[in-house]
Amino acid sequence: MAYPPLARDPGRAFPDRETAGPSLAWNLTVRDALQRLPPRQRAVIVLRFYDDLTERETAATLGVAIGTVKSQTSDALARLRTLVPDLAASDASVAGMRG
């Protein structure tokens, strides 16, 4: 039975870990920083940037005003930038934190 080329050489089927996405260390750093946020700020960040909800959808999910989502997002991002300086120092975005 003939196998496709990638099946014969499984090592070639996957890109190098460095190019595949954020490193494990980066993911752990961001996860730890998220855990240090107050619960509402953490919820807003997760819903907006991990679950990719709009401000309106996030507000409806949390039962708060859109203005609250905006202010909590702003406050959370500011706090994350102090907890993880590489977020502010590089082109890394919160959306890039997805693992």
PDB file of N, CA and C in Angstrom:
ATOM      1  N   MET A   1       0.847  -1.183   0.000  1.00  0.00           N
ATOM      2  CA  MET A   1       0.000   0.000   0.000  1.00  0.00           C
ATOM      3  C   MET A   1       0.892   1.245   0.000  1.00  0.00           C
ATOM      4  N   ALA A   2       0.597   2.172  -0.857  1.00  0.00           N
ATOM      5  CA  ALA A   2       1.385   3.405  -0.945  1.00  0.00           C
ATOM      6  C   ALA A   2       0.793   4.457  -0.013  1.00  0.00           C
ATOM      7  N   TYR A   3       1.667   5.120   0.705  1.00  0.00           N
ATOM      8  CA  TYR A   3       1.247   6.188   1.622  1.00  0.00           C
ATOM      9  C   TYR A   3       1.588   7.535   1.015  1.00  0.00           C
ATOM     10  N   PRO A   4       0.797   8.548   1.339  1.00  0.00           N
ATOM     11  CA  PRO A   4       1.161   9.892   0.873  1.00  0.00           C
ATOM     12  C   PRO A   4       2.520  10.292   1.451  1.00  0.00           C
ATOM     13  N   PRO A   5       3.237  11.168   0.800  1.00  0.00           N
ATOM     14  CA  PRO A   5       4.584  11.537   1.257  1.00  0.00           C
ATOM     15  C   PRO A   5       4.644  11.973   2.721  1.00  0.00           C
ATOM     16  N   LEU A   6       3.697  12.742   3.195  1.00  0.00           N
ATOM     17  CA  LEU A   6       3.741  13.206   4.577  1.00  0.00           C
ATOM     18  C   LEU A   6       3.564  12.051   5.556  1.00  0.00           C
ATOM     19  N   ALA A   7       2.790  11.050   5.176  1.00  0.00           N
ATOM     20  CA  ALA A   7       2.565   9.917   6.074  1.00  0.00           C
ATOM     21  C   ALA A   7       3.835   9.099   6.238  1.00  0.00           C
ATOM     22  N   ARG A   8       4.686   9.049   5.215  1.00  0.00           N
ATOM     23  CA  ARG A   8       5.930   8.290   5.321  1.00  0.00           C
ATOM     24  C   ARG A   8       6.968   9.004   6.162  1.00  0.00           C
ATOM     25  N   ASP A   9       6.875  10.311   6.249  1.00  0.00           N
ATOM     26  CA  ASP A   9       7.831  11.085   7.031  1.00  0.00           C
ATOM     27  C   ASP A   9       7.066  12.009   7.961  1.00  0.00           C
ATOM     28  N   PRO A  10       6.584  11.477   9.095  1.00  0.00           N
ATOM     29  CA  PRO A  10       5.738  12.268   9.984  1.00  0.00           C
ATOM     30  C   PRO A  10       6.398  13.546  10.486  1.00  0.00           C
ATOM     31  N   GLY A  11       7.714  13.570  10.566  1.00  0.00           N
ATOM     32  CA  GLY A  11       8.405  14.763  11.029  1.00  0.00           C
ATOM     33  C   GLY A  11       8.199  15.954  10.124  1.00  0.00           C
ATOM     34  N   ARG A  12       7.917  15.696   8.871  1.00  0.00           N
ATOM     35  CA  ARG A  12       7.713  16.786   7.918  1.00  0.00           C
ATOM     36  C   ARG A  12       6.274  17.307   7.930  1.00  0.00           C
ATOM     37  N   ALA A  13       5.388  16.593   8.588  1.00  0.00           N
ATOM     38  CA  ALA A  13       3.981  16.977   8.576  1.00  0.00           C
ATOM     39  C   ALA A  13       3.694  18.165   9.483  1.00  0.00           C
ATOM     40  N   PHE A  14       4.582  18.453  10.408  1.00  0.00           N
ATOM     41  CA  PHE A  14       4.339  19.508  11.380  1.00  0.00           C
ATOM     42  C   PHE A  14       5.426  20.561  11.291  1.00  0.00           C
ATOM     43  N   PRO A  15       5.037  21.830  11.358  1.00  0.00           N
ATOM     44  CA  PRO A  15       6.055  22.889  11.338  1.00  0.00           C
ATOM     45  C   PRO A  15       6.842  22.897  12.644  1.00  0.00           C
ATOM     46  N   ASP A  16       7.983  23.545  12.609  1.00  0.00           N
ATOM     47  CA  ASP A  16       8.766  23.696  13.827  1.00  0.00           C
ATOM     48  C   ASP A  16       7.924  24.375  14.884  1.00  0.00           C
ATOM     49  N   ARG A  17       8.153  24.010  16.149  1.00  0.00           N
ATOM     50  CA  ARG A  17       7.376  24.595  17.237  1.00  0.00           C
ATOM     51  C   ARG A  17       7.517  26.111  17.275  1.00  0.00           C
ATOM     52  N   GLU A  18       8.681  26.619  16.951  1.00  0.00           N
ATOM     53  CA  GLU A  18       8.900  28.064  17.000  1.00  0.00           C
ATOM     54  C   GLU A  18       7.996  28.801  16.021  1.00  0.00           C
ATOM     55  N   THR A  19       7.692  28.190  14.873  1.00  0.00           N
ATOM     56  CA  THR A  19       6.870  28.864  13.879  1.00  0.00           C
ATOM     57  C   THR A  19       5.399  28.480  13.991  1.00  0.00           C
ATOM     58  N   ALA A  20       5.085  27.506  14.821  1.00  0.00           N
ATOM     59  CA  ALA A  20       3.712  27.024  14.914  1.00  0.00           C
ATOM     60  C   ALA A  20       2.827  27.943  15.742  1.00  0.00           C
ATOM     61  N   GLY A  21       3.388  28.778  16.569  1.00  0.00           N
ATOM     62  CA  GLY A  21       2.586  29.654  17.407  1.00  0.00           C
ATOM     63  C   GLY A  21       3.349  30.016  18.657  1.00  0.00           C
ATOM     64  N   PRO A  22       2.641  30.579  19.631  1.00  0.00           N
ATOM     65  CA  PRO A  22       3.302  30.991  20.869  1.00  0.00           C
ATOM     66  C   PRO A  22       3.943  29.797  21.583  1.00  0.00           C
ATOM     67  N   SER A  23       5.053  30.070  22.229  1.00  0.00           N
ATOM     68  CA  SER A  23       5.745  29.011  22.957  1.00  0.00           C
ATOM     69  C   SER A  23       4.988  28.661  24.233  1.00  0.00           C
ATOM     70  N   LEU A  24       5.311  27.522  24.785  1.00  0.00           N
ATOM     71  CA  LEU A  24       4.706  27.102  26.041  1.00  0.00           C
ATOM     72  C   LEU A  24       5.006  28.119  27.140  1.00  0.00           C
ATOM     73  N   ALA A  25       6.235  28.605  27.178  1.00  0.00           N
ATOM     74  CA  ALA A  25       6.615  29.591  28.199  1.00  0.00           C
ATOM     75  C   ALA A  25       5.764  30.856  28.063  1.00  0.00           C
ATOM     76  N   TRP A  26       5.550  31.306  26.831  1.00  0.00           N
ATOM     77  CA  TRP A  26       4.727  32.494  26.603  1.00  0.00           C
ATOM     78  C   TRP A  26       3.293  32.236  27.056  1.00  0.00           C
ATOM     79  N   ASN A  27       2.744  31.085  26.686  1.00  0.00           N
ATOM     80  CA  ASN A  27       1.376  30.745  27.083  1.00  0.00           C
ATOM     81  C   ASN A  27       1.234  30.710  28.600  1.00  0.00           C
ATOM     82  N   LEU A  28       2.216  30.157  29.290  1.00  0.00           N
ATOM     83  CA  LEU A  28       2.166  30.101  30.753  1.00  0.00           C
ATOM     84  C   LEU A  28       2.271  31.494  31.365  1.00  0.00           C
ATOM     85  N   THR A  29       3.106  32.328  30.788  1.00  0.00           N
ATOM     86  CA  THR A  29       3.261  33.697  31.277  1.00  0.00           C
ATOM     87  C   THR A  29       1.945  34.460  31.152  1.00  0.00           C
ATOM     88  N   VAL A  30       1.319  34.343  30.004  1.00  0.00           N
ATOM     89  CA  VAL A  30       0.059  35.047  29.777  1.00  0.00           C
ATOM     90  C   VAL A  30      -1.037  34.474  30.662  1.00  0.00           C
ATOM     91  N   ARG A  31      -1.088  33.154  30.783  1.00  0.00           N
ATOM     92  CA  ARG A  31      -2.101  32.535  31.648  1.00  0.00           C
ATOM     93  C   ARG A  31      -1.952  33.009  33.088  1.00  0.00           C
ATOM     94  N   ASP A  32      -0.726  33.054  33.565  1.00  0.00           N
ATOM     95  CA  ASP A  32      -0.492  33.530  34.934  1.00  0.00           C
ATOM     96  C   ASP A  32      -0.919  34.989  35.095  1.00  0.00           C
ATOM     97  N   ALA A  33      -0.625  35.805  34.084  1.00  0.00           N
ATOM     98  CA  ALA A  33      -1.029  37.218  34.144  1.00  0.00           C
ATOM     99  C   ALA A  33      -2.551  37.338  34.140  1.00  0.00           C
ATOM    100  N   LEU A  34      -3.222  36.541  33.333  1.00  0.00           N
ATOM    101  CA  LEU A  34      -4.684  36.574  33.311  1.00  0.00           C
ATOM    102  C   LEU A  34      -5.264  36.182  34.665  1.00  0.00           C
ATOM    103  N   GLN A  35      -4.642  35.230  35.327  1.00  0.00           N
ATOM    104  CA  GLN A  35      -5.119  34.805  36.649  1.00  0.00           C
ATOM    105  C   GLN A  35      -4.997  35.916  37.686  1.00  0.00           C
ATOM    106  N   ARG A  36      -4.109  36.857  37.450  1.00  0.00           N
ATOM    107  CA  ARG A  36      -3.900  37.953  38.401  1.00  0.00           C
ATOM    108  C   ARG A  36      -4.861  39.118  38.181  1.00  0.00           C
ATOM    109  N   LEU A  37      -5.641  39.058  37.104  1.00  0.00           N
ATOM    110  CA  LEU A  37      -6.644  40.096  36.869  1.00  0.00           C
ATOM    111  C   LEU A  37      -7.865  39.841  37.742  1.00  0.00           C
ATOM    112  N   PRO A  38      -8.578  40.910  38.096  1.00  0.00           N
ATOM    113  CA  PRO A  38      -9.856  40.720  38.785  1.00  0.00           C
ATOM    114  C   PRO A  38     -10.807  39.901  37.886  1.00  0.00           C
ATOM    115  N   PRO A  39     -11.729  39.166  38.469  1.00  0.00           N
ATOM    116  CA  PRO A  39     -12.597  38.268  37.682  1.00  0.00           C
ATOM    117  C   PRO A  39     -13.324  38.935  36.509  1.00  0.00           C
ATOM    118  N   ARG A  40     -13.871  40.129  36.704  1.00  0.00           N
ATOM    119  CA  ARG A  40     -14.603  40.765  35.604  1.00  0.00           C
ATOM    120  C   ARG A  40     -13.659  41.149  34.470  1.00  0.00           C
ATOM    121  N   GLN A  41     -12.486  41.677  34.791  1.00  0.00           N
ATOM    122  CA  GLN A  41     -11.520  42.022  33.739  1.00  0.00           C
ATOM    123  C   GLN A  41     -11.076  40.774  32.991  1.00  0.00           C
ATOM    124  N   ARG A  42     -10.816  39.711  33.721  1.00  0.00           N
ATOM    125  CA  ARG A  42     -10.411  38.451  33.085  1.00  0.00           C
ATOM    126  C   ARG A  42     -11.517  37.959  32.158  1.00  0.00           C
ATOM    127  N   ALA A  43     -12.761  38.020  32.621  1.00  0.00           N
ATOM    128  CA  ALA A  43     -13.891  37.574  31.800  1.00  0.00           C
ATOM    129  C   ALA A  43     -13.998  38.384  30.511  1.00  0.00           C
ATOM    130  N   VAL A  44     -13.831  39.688  30.617  1.00  0.00           N
ATOM    131  CA  VAL A  44     -13.915  40.545  29.435  1.00  0.00           C
ATOM    132  C   VAL A  44     -12.809  40.206  28.440  1.00  0.00           C
ATOM    133  N   ILE A  45     -11.595  40.033  28.919  1.00  0.00           N
ATOM    134  CA  ILE A  45     -10.473  39.695  28.029  1.00  0.00           C
ATOM    135  C   ILE A  45     -10.709  38.354  27.346  1.00  0.00           C
ATOM    136  N   VAL A  46     -11.135  37.374  28.100  1.00  0.00           N
ATOM    137  CA  VAL A  46     -11.367  36.045  27.521  1.00  0.00           C
ATOM    138  C   VAL A  46     -12.488  36.099  26.487  1.00  0.00           C
ATOM    139  N   LEU A  47     -13.584  36.743  26.826  1.00  0.00           N
ATOM    140  CA  LEU A  47     -14.700  36.811  25.879  1.00  0.00           C
ATOM    141  C   LEU A  47     -14.351  37.616  24.627  1.00  0.00           C
ATOM    142  N   ARG A  48     -13.657  38.725  24.809  1.00  0.00           N
ATOM    143  CA  ARG A  48     -13.335  39.587  23.658  1.00  0.00           C
ATOM    144  C   ARG A  48     -12.250  38.992  22.766  1.00  0.00           C
ATOM    145  N   PHE A  49     -11.175  38.485  23.385  1.00  0.00           N
ATOM    146  CA  PHE A  49     -10.004  38.121  22.586  1.00  0.00           C
ATOM    147  C   PHE A  49      -9.816  36.623  22.379  1.00  0.00           C
ATOM    148  N   TYR A  50     -10.322  35.814  23.261  1.00  0.00           N
ATOM    149  CA  TYR A  50     -10.223  34.367  23.065  1.00  0.00           C
ATOM    150  C   TYR A  50     -11.471  33.834  22.369  1.00  0.00           C
ATOM    151  N   ASP A  51     -12.646  34.277  22.825  1.00  0.00           N
ATOM    152  CA  ASP A  51     -13.896  33.819  22.221  1.00  0.00           C
ATOM    153  C   ASP A  51     -14.325  34.703  21.051  1.00  0.00           C
ATOM    154  N   ASP A  52     -13.597  35.806  20.846  1.00  0.00           N
ATOM    155  CA  ASP A  52     -13.802  36.700  19.704  1.00  0.00           C
ATOM    156  C   ASP A  52     -15.209  37.288  19.648  1.00  0.00           C
ATOM    157  N   LEU A  53     -15.752  37.637  20.824  1.00  0.00           N
ATOM    158  CA  LEU A  53     -17.061  38.282  20.876  1.00  0.00           C
ATOM    159  C   LEU A  53     -16.909  39.782  20.658  1.00  0.00           C
ATOM    160  N   THR A  54     -17.949  40.398  20.146  1.00  0.00           N
ATOM    161  CA  THR A  54     -17.960  41.853  20.002  1.00  0.00           C
ATOM    162  C   THR A  54     -18.180  42.475  21.381  1.00  0.00           C
ATOM    163  N   GLU A  55     -18.028  43.787  21.456  1.00  0.00           N
ATOM    164  CA  GLU A  55     -18.314  44.476  22.719  1.00  0.00           C
ATOM    165  C   GLU A  55     -19.771  44.260  23.116  1.00  0.00           C
ATOM    166  N   ARG A  56     -20.663  44.345  22.158  1.00  0.00           N
ATOM    167  CA  ARG A  56     -22.094  44.162  22.421  1.00  0.00           C
ATOM    168  C   ARG A  56     -22.372  42.738  22.929  1.00  0.00           C
ATOM    169  N   GLU A  57     -21.796  41.733  22.282  1.00  0.00           N
ATOM    170  CA  GLU A  57     -21.998  40.341  22.698  1.00  0.00           C
ATOM    171  C   GLU A  57     -21.409  40.087  24.088  1.00  0.00           C
ATOM    172  N   THR A  58     -20.254  40.686  24.344  1.00  0.00           N
ATOM    173  CA  THR A  58     -19.625  40.541  25.655  1.00  0.00           C
ATOM    174  C   THR A  58     -20.491  41.174  26.736  1.00  0.00           C
ATOM    175  N   ALA A  59     -21.012  42.354  26.448  1.00  0.00           N
ATOM    176  CA  ALA A  59     -21.882  43.034  27.408  1.00  0.00           C
ATOM    177  C   ALA A  59     -23.124  42.196  27.700  1.00  0.00           C
ATOM    178  N   ALA A  60     -23.717  41.638  26.665  1.00  0.00           N
ATOM    179  CA  ALA A  60     -24.916  40.812  26.855  1.00  0.00           C
ATOM    180  C   ALA A  60     -24.589  39.557  27.654  1.00  0.00           C
ATOM    181  N   THR A  61     -23.466  38.944  27.364  1.00  0.00           N
ATOM    182  CA  THR A  61     -23.066  37.733  28.070  1.00  0.00           C
ATOM    183  C   THR A  61     -22.853  38.002  29.558  1.00  0.00           C
ATOM    184  N   LEU A  62     -22.239  39.132  29.868  1.00  0.00           N
ATOM    185  CA  LEU A  62     -21.942  39.462  31.263  1.00  0.00           C
ATOM    186  C   LEU A  62     -23.074  40.228  31.954  1.00  0.00           C
ATOM    187  N   GLY A  63     -24.058  40.670  31.182  1.00  0.00           N
ATOM    188  CA  GLY A  63     -25.158  41.431  31.760  1.00  0.00           C
ATOM    189  C   GLY A  63     -24.743  42.813  32.230  1.00  0.00           C
ATOM    190  N   VAL A  64     -23.851  43.454  31.457  1.00  0.00           N
ATOM    191  CA  VAL A  64     -23.372  44.798  31.798  1.00  0.00           C
ATOM    192  C   VAL A  64     -23.521  45.704  30.576  1.00  0.00           C
ATOM    193  N   ALA A  65     -23.296  46.995  30.781  1.00  0.00           N
ATOM    194  CA  ALA A  65     -23.352  47.961  29.679  1.00  0.00           C
ATOM    195  C   ALA A  65     -22.109  47.850  28.798  1.00  0.00           C
ATOM    196  N   ILE A  66     -22.266  48.264  27.556  1.00  0.00           N
ATOM    197  CA  ILE A  66     -21.118  48.257  26.632  1.00  0.00           C
ATOM    198  C   ILE A  66     -19.997  49.133  27.174  1.00  0.00           C
ATOM    199  N   GLY A  67     -20.334  50.247  27.788  1.00  0.00           N
ATOM    200  CA  GLY A  67     -19.316  51.121  28.376  1.00  0.00           C
ATOM    201  C   GLY A  67     -18.502  50.407  29.445  1.00  0.00           C
ATOM    202  N   THR A  68     -19.147  49.517  30.194  1.00  0.00           N
ATOM    203  CA  THR A  68     -18.425  48.736  31.206  1.00  0.00           C
ATOM    204  C   THR A  68     -17.438  47.789  30.542  1.00  0.00           C
ATOM    205  N   VAL A  69     -17.862  47.176  29.446  1.00  0.00           N
ATOM    206  CA  VAL A  69     -16.961  46.283  28.704  1.00  0.00           C
ATOM    207  C   VAL A  69     -15.756  47.081  28.217  1.00  0.00           C
ATOM    208  N   LYS A  70     -15.986  48.254  27.680  1.00  0.00           N
ATOM    209  CA  LYS A  70     -14.889  49.085  27.168  1.00  0.00           C
ATOM    210  C   LYS A  70     -13.928  49.481  28.280  1.00  0.00           C
ATOM    211  N   SER A  71     -14.453  49.932  29.404  1.00  0.00           N
ATOM    212  CA  SER A  71     -13.569  50.365  30.491  1.00  0.00           C
ATOM    213  C   SER A  71     -12.843  49.183  31.117  1.00  0.00           C
ATOM    214  N   GLN A  72     -13.524  48.054  31.272  1.00  0.00           N
ATOM    215  CA  GLN A  72     -12.875  46.872  31.838  1.00  0.00           C
ATOM    216  C   GLN A  72     -11.795  46.341  30.895  1.00  0.00           C
ATOM    217  N   THR A  73     -12.048  46.404  29.604  1.00  0.00           N
ATOM    218  CA  THR A  73     -11.046  45.977  28.623  1.00  0.00           C
ATOM    219  C   THR A  73      -9.822  46.877  28.702  1.00  0.00           C
ATOM    220  N   SER A  74     -10.047  48.176  28.737  1.00  0.00           N
ATOM    221  CA  SER A  74      -8.947  49.133  28.822  1.00  0.00           C
ATOM    222  C   SER A  74      -8.121  48.907  30.091  1.00  0.00           C
ATOM    223  N   ASP A  75      -8.802  48.767  31.210  1.00  0.00           N
ATOM    224  CA  ASP A  75      -8.108  48.552  32.488  1.00  0.00           C
ATOM    225  C   ASP A  75      -7.344  47.227  32.483  1.00  0.00           C
ATOM    226  N   ALA A  76      -7.969  46.193  31.933  1.00  0.00           N
ATOM    227  CA  ALA A  76      -7.322  44.876  31.904  1.00  0.00           C
ATOM    228  C   ALA A  76      -6.086  44.885  31.009  1.00  0.00           C
ATOM    229  N   LEU A  77      -6.187  45.518  29.856  1.00  0.00           N
ATOM    230  CA  LEU A  77      -5.029  45.579  28.961  1.00  0.00           C
ATOM    231  C   LEU A  77      -3.882  46.364  29.594  1.00  0.00           C
ATOM    232  N   ALA A  78      -4.209  47.453  30.272  1.00  0.00           N
ATOM    233  CA  ALA A  78      -3.174  48.228  30.959  1.00  0.00           C
ATOM    234  C   ALA A  78      -2.487  47.371  32.023  1.00  0.00           C
ATOM    235  N   ARG A  79      -3.266  46.629  32.770  1.00  0.00           N
ATOM    236  CA  ARG A  79      -2.704  45.758  33.815  1.00  0.00           C
ATOM    237  C   ARG A  79      -1.863  44.646  33.196  1.00  0.00           C
ATOM    238  N   LEU A  80      -2.339  44.049  32.115  1.00  0.00           N
ATOM    239  CA  LEU A  80      -1.563  42.998  31.450  1.00  0.00           C
ATOM    240  C   LEU A  80      -0.229  43.536  30.933  1.00  0.00           C
ATOM    241  N   ARG A  81      -0.231  44.769  30.451  1.00  0.00           N
ATOM    242  CA  ARG A  81       1.021  45.362  29.952  1.00  0.00           C
ATOM    243  C   ARG A  81       2.032  45.567  31.073  1.00  0.00           C
ATOM    244  N   THR A  82       1.559  45.797  32.282  1.00  0.00           N
ATOM    245  CA  THR A  82       2.495  45.922  33.401  1.00  0.00           C
ATOM    246  C   THR A  82       2.940  44.543  33.894  1.00  0.00           C
ATOM    247  N   LEU A  83       2.047  43.567  33.838  1.00  0.00           N
ATOM    248  CA  LEU A  83       2.388  42.210  34.288  1.00  0.00           C
ATOM    249  C   LEU A  83       3.276  41.486  33.284  1.00  0.00           C
ATOM    250  N   VAL A  84       3.058  41.767  32.001  1.00  0.00           N
ATOM    251  CA  VAL A  84       3.828  41.122  30.923  1.00  0.00           C
ATOM    252  C   VAL A  84       4.368  42.235  30.026  1.00  0.00           C
ATOM    253  N   PRO A  85       5.498  42.829  30.410  1.00  0.00           N
ATOM    254  CA  PRO A  85       6.027  43.975  29.651  1.00  0.00           C
ATOM    255  C   PRO A  85       6.244  43.685  28.164  1.00  0.00           C
ATOM    256  N   ASP A  86       6.480  42.431  27.804  1.00  0.00           N
ATOM    257  CA  ASP A  86       6.674  42.107  26.396  1.00  0.00           C
ATOM    258  C   ASP A  86       5.438  42.401  25.553  1.00  0.00           C
ATOM    259  N   LEU A  87       4.261  42.454  26.170  1.00  0.00           N
ATOM    260  CA  LEU A  87       3.058  42.819  25.423  1.00  0.00           C
ATOM    261  C   LEU A  87       3.159  44.249  24.914  1.00  0.00           C
ATOM    262  N   ALA A  88       3.697  45.134  25.725  1.00  0.00           N
ATOM    263  CA  ALA A  88       3.822  46.535  25.336  1.00  0.00           C
ATOM    264  C   ALA A  88       5.088  46.773  24.517  1.00  0.00           C
ATOM    265  N   ALA A  89       6.129  45.996  24.775  1.00  0.00           N
ATOM    266  CA  ALA A  89       7.429  46.232  24.146  1.00  0.00           C
ATOM    267  C   ALA A  89       7.521  45.661  22.735  1.00  0.00           C
ATOM    268  N   SER A  90       6.621  44.762  22.381  1.00  0.00           N
ATOM    269  CA  SER A  90       6.689  44.144  21.066  1.00  0.00           C
ATOM    270  C   SER A  90       5.382  44.377  20.330  1.00  0.00           C
ATOM    271  N   ASP A  91       5.284  43.778  19.163  1.00  0.00           N
ATOM    272  CA  ASP A  91       4.049  43.871  18.391  1.00  0.00           C
ATOM    273  C   ASP A  91       3.055  42.814  18.828  1.00  0.00           C
ATOM    274  N   ALA A  92       3.349  42.101  19.913  1.00  0.00           N
ATOM    275  CA  ALA A  92       2.433  41.058  20.392  1.00  0.00           C
ATOM    276  C   ALA A  92       1.109  41.690  20.781  1.00  0.00           C
ATOM    277  N   SER A  93       0.051  41.041  20.430  1.00  0.00           N
ATOM    278  CA  SER A  93      -1.278  41.533  20.792  1.00  0.00           C
ATOM    279  C   SER A  93      -1.965  40.535  21.697  1.00  0.00           C
ATOM    280  N   VAL A  94      -3.007  40.966  22.336  1.00  0.00           N
ATOM    281  CA  VAL A  94      -3.763  40.058  23.187  1.00  0.00           C
ATOM    282  C   VAL A  94      -4.338  38.951  22.331  1.00  0.00           C
ATOM    283  N   ALA A  95      -4.759  39.258  21.141  1.00  0.00           N
ATOM    284  CA  ALA A  95      -5.291  38.217  20.274  1.00  0.00           C
ATOM    285  C   ALA A  95      -4.232  37.166  19.988  1.00  0.00           C
ATOM    286  N   GLY A  96      -2.973  37.570  19.970  1.00  0.00           N
ATOM    287  CA  GLY A  96      -1.880  36.633  19.770  1.00  0.00           C
ATOM    288  C   GLY A  96      -1.644  35.726  20.941  1.00  0.00           C
ATOM    289  N   MET A  97      -2.341  35.935  22.019  1.00  0.00           N
ATOM    290  CA  MET A  97      -2.150  35.091  23.196  1.00  0.00           C
ATOM    291  C   MET A  97      -2.856  33.759  23.057  1.00  0.00           C
ATOM    292  N   ARG A  98      -3.698  33.622  22.060  1.00  0.00           N
ATOM    293  CA  ARG A  98      -4.401  32.352  21.901  1.00  0.00           C
ATOM    294  C   ARG A  98      -3.398  31.245  21.663  1.00  0.00           C
ATOM    295  N   GLY A  99      -3.625  30.181  22.329  1.00  0.00           N
ATOM    296  CA  GLY A  99      -2.700  29.065  22.207  1.00  0.00           C
ATOM    297  C   GLY A  99      -3.025  28.118  21.117  1.00  0.00           C
TER     298      GLY A  99
END
